[in-house]
Amino acid sequence: MEGTLLLAYLGYNLANLARVEVPIVQVNVLEAKNNLSALLKLLEEGKEESIVIARNGKPVAKMVAYAPVDVSKRIGIAKNSPLVVDDWAFDELDDYVAELFEESLDEPLD
């Protein structure tokens, strides 16, 4: 039973838990507010993978343990890498774009 540990930790009667399978750990907003430190500890220690917080029995949020992102997957990883290939024809493109602008300057404005 995945939710047994959390419910027991929050003071629920273990005799009642033996009769009910709890596939997802879910607590209401008031329980989450009153037991936030305990819930965070369960996530930190890996005793629970996630905890769903519900309002009026309807899930509205999911708490999960923070997993730091690998530095190699962050934006800016290519900071010192060349951004273009060596044989890119910038001069040809620059001339073409300049011609387009010059042509548009020759046309009268409406």
Protein backbone atom coordinates (compact mmCIF):
# COMPACT_ATOMS: atom_id res chain seq x y z
CA MET A 1 0.00 0.00 0.00
CA GLU A 2 1.68 3.15 -1.22
CA GLY A 3 -0.35 5.61 0.84
CA THR A 4 -0.22 3.66 4.09
CA LEU A 5 3.02 5.23 5.26
CA LEU A 6 1.82 8.78 4.72
CA LEU A 7 -1.57 8.24 6.31
CA ALA A 8 0.01 6.52 9.31
CA TYR A 9 2.54 9.31 9.57
CA LEU A 10 -0.29 11.83 9.70
CA GLY A 11 -1.99 9.93 12.54
CA TYR A 12 -4.63 7.81 10.79
CA ASN A 13 -5.79 4.54 12.27
CA LEU A 14 -3.76 1.67 10.79
CA ALA A 15 -6.61 -0.80 11.33
CA ASN A 16 -8.74 1.12 8.82
CA LEU A 17 -5.87 1.26 6.33
CA ALA A 18 -5.61 -2.52 6.16
CA ARG A 19 -9.05 -2.62 4.53
CA VAL A 20 -8.40 0.06 1.90
CA GLU A 21 -5.85 0.11 -0.92
CA VAL A 22 -4.59 3.64 -1.54
CA PRO A 23 -2.98 3.82 -4.99
CA ILE A 24 -2.23 7.56 -4.84
CA VAL A 25 -1.36 9.54 -1.74
CA GLN A 26 -3.92 12.32 -1.56
CA VAL A 27 -4.48 14.86 1.20
CA ASN A 28 -6.89 17.74 1.41
CA VAL A 29 -5.75 21.35 1.54
CA LEU A 30 -6.13 21.67 5.31
CA GLU A 31 -4.10 18.50 5.95
CA ALA A 32 -1.42 19.69 3.54
CA LYS A 33 -1.29 23.07 5.25
CA ASN A 34 -1.11 21.63 8.76
CA ASN A 35 1.39 18.89 7.86
CA LEU A 36 3.52 20.55 5.18
CA SER A 37 6.81 19.84 6.94
CA ALA A 38 5.95 16.16 7.37
CA LEU A 39 4.86 15.87 3.74
CA LEU A 40 8.07 17.49 2.55
CA LYS A 41 10.09 15.13 4.70
CA LEU A 42 8.38 12.12 3.10
CA LEU A 43 9.30 13.43 -0.34
CA GLU A 44 12.88 14.27 0.67
CA GLU A 45 13.47 10.83 2.16
CA GLY A 46 12.00 9.13 -0.90
CA LYS A 47 9.25 7.43 1.11
CA GLU A 48 6.68 8.90 -1.29
CA GLU A 49 7.21 9.71 -4.95
CA SER A 50 4.43 12.29 -5.11
CA ILE A 51 1.59 13.67 -3.01
CA VAL A 52 -1.66 14.94 -4.50
CA ILE A 53 -3.40 17.85 -2.79
CA ALA A 54 -7.17 17.94 -3.25
CA ARG A 55 -9.86 20.54 -2.65
CA ASN A 56 -13.28 19.03 -1.88
CA GLY A 57 -11.98 15.63 -2.98
CA LYS A 58 -10.88 16.92 -6.40
CA PRO A 59 -7.10 16.85 -7.11
CA VAL A 60 -5.72 20.33 -7.79
CA ALA A 61 -1.95 20.05 -7.24
CA LYS A 62 0.82 17.48 -7.12
CA MET A 63 3.89 17.76 -4.89
CA VAL A 64 7.02 15.98 -6.08
CA ALA A 65 10.58 15.99 -4.83
CA TYR A 66 12.83 18.53 -6.54
CA ALA A 67 15.21 16.99 -9.03
CA PRO A 68 18.02 19.31 -10.09
CA VAL A 69 18.54 19.63 -13.85
CA ASP A 70 21.80 18.33 -15.24
CA VAL A 71 23.99 21.34 -16.08
CA SER A 72 24.74 19.92 -19.53
CA LYS A 73 21.03 20.20 -20.43
CA ARG A 74 20.66 23.87 -19.53
CA ILE A 75 20.20 26.73 -21.95
CA GLY A 76 23.56 28.24 -22.84
CA ILE A 77 25.40 24.94 -23.04
CA ALA A 78 26.55 25.88 -26.57
CA LYS A 79 27.96 29.22 -25.42
CA ASN A 80 31.49 28.50 -26.64
CA SER A 81 30.51 26.39 -29.62
CA PRO A 82 30.62 27.77 -33.16
CA LEU A 83 27.12 28.76 -34.19
CA VAL A 84 27.65 28.51 -37.95
CA VAL A 85 29.53 26.25 -40.27
CA ASP A 86 32.70 27.56 -41.88
CA ASP A 87 31.46 27.37 -45.47
CA TRP A 88 28.33 29.47 -44.87
CA ALA A 89 28.01 32.15 -47.56
CA PHE A 90 27.21 35.24 -45.50
CA ASP A 91 28.56 37.68 -48.06
CA GLU A 92 26.23 36.37 -50.76
CA LEU A 93 23.24 36.60 -48.44
CA ASP A 94 24.23 40.07 -47.27
CA ASP A 95 24.39 41.29 -50.88
CA TYR A 96 21.01 39.73 -51.67
CA VAL A 97 19.33 41.33 -48.64
CA ALA A 98 20.92 44.69 -49.43
CA GLU A 99 19.55 44.50 -53.00
CA LEU A 100 16.05 43.80 -51.66
CA PHE A 101 16.21 46.87 -49.44
CA GLU A 102 17.54 49.05 -52.25
CA GLU A 103 14.72 47.91 -54.56
CA SER A 104 12.14 48.73 -51.92
CA LEU A 105 13.61 52.24 -51.54
CA ASP A 106 13.22 52.88 -55.29
CA GLU A 107 9.46 52.12 -55.16
CA PRO A 108 7.18 55.08 -54.43
CA LEU A 109 5.25 55.10 -51.16
CA ASP A 110 1.47 54.96 -51.48
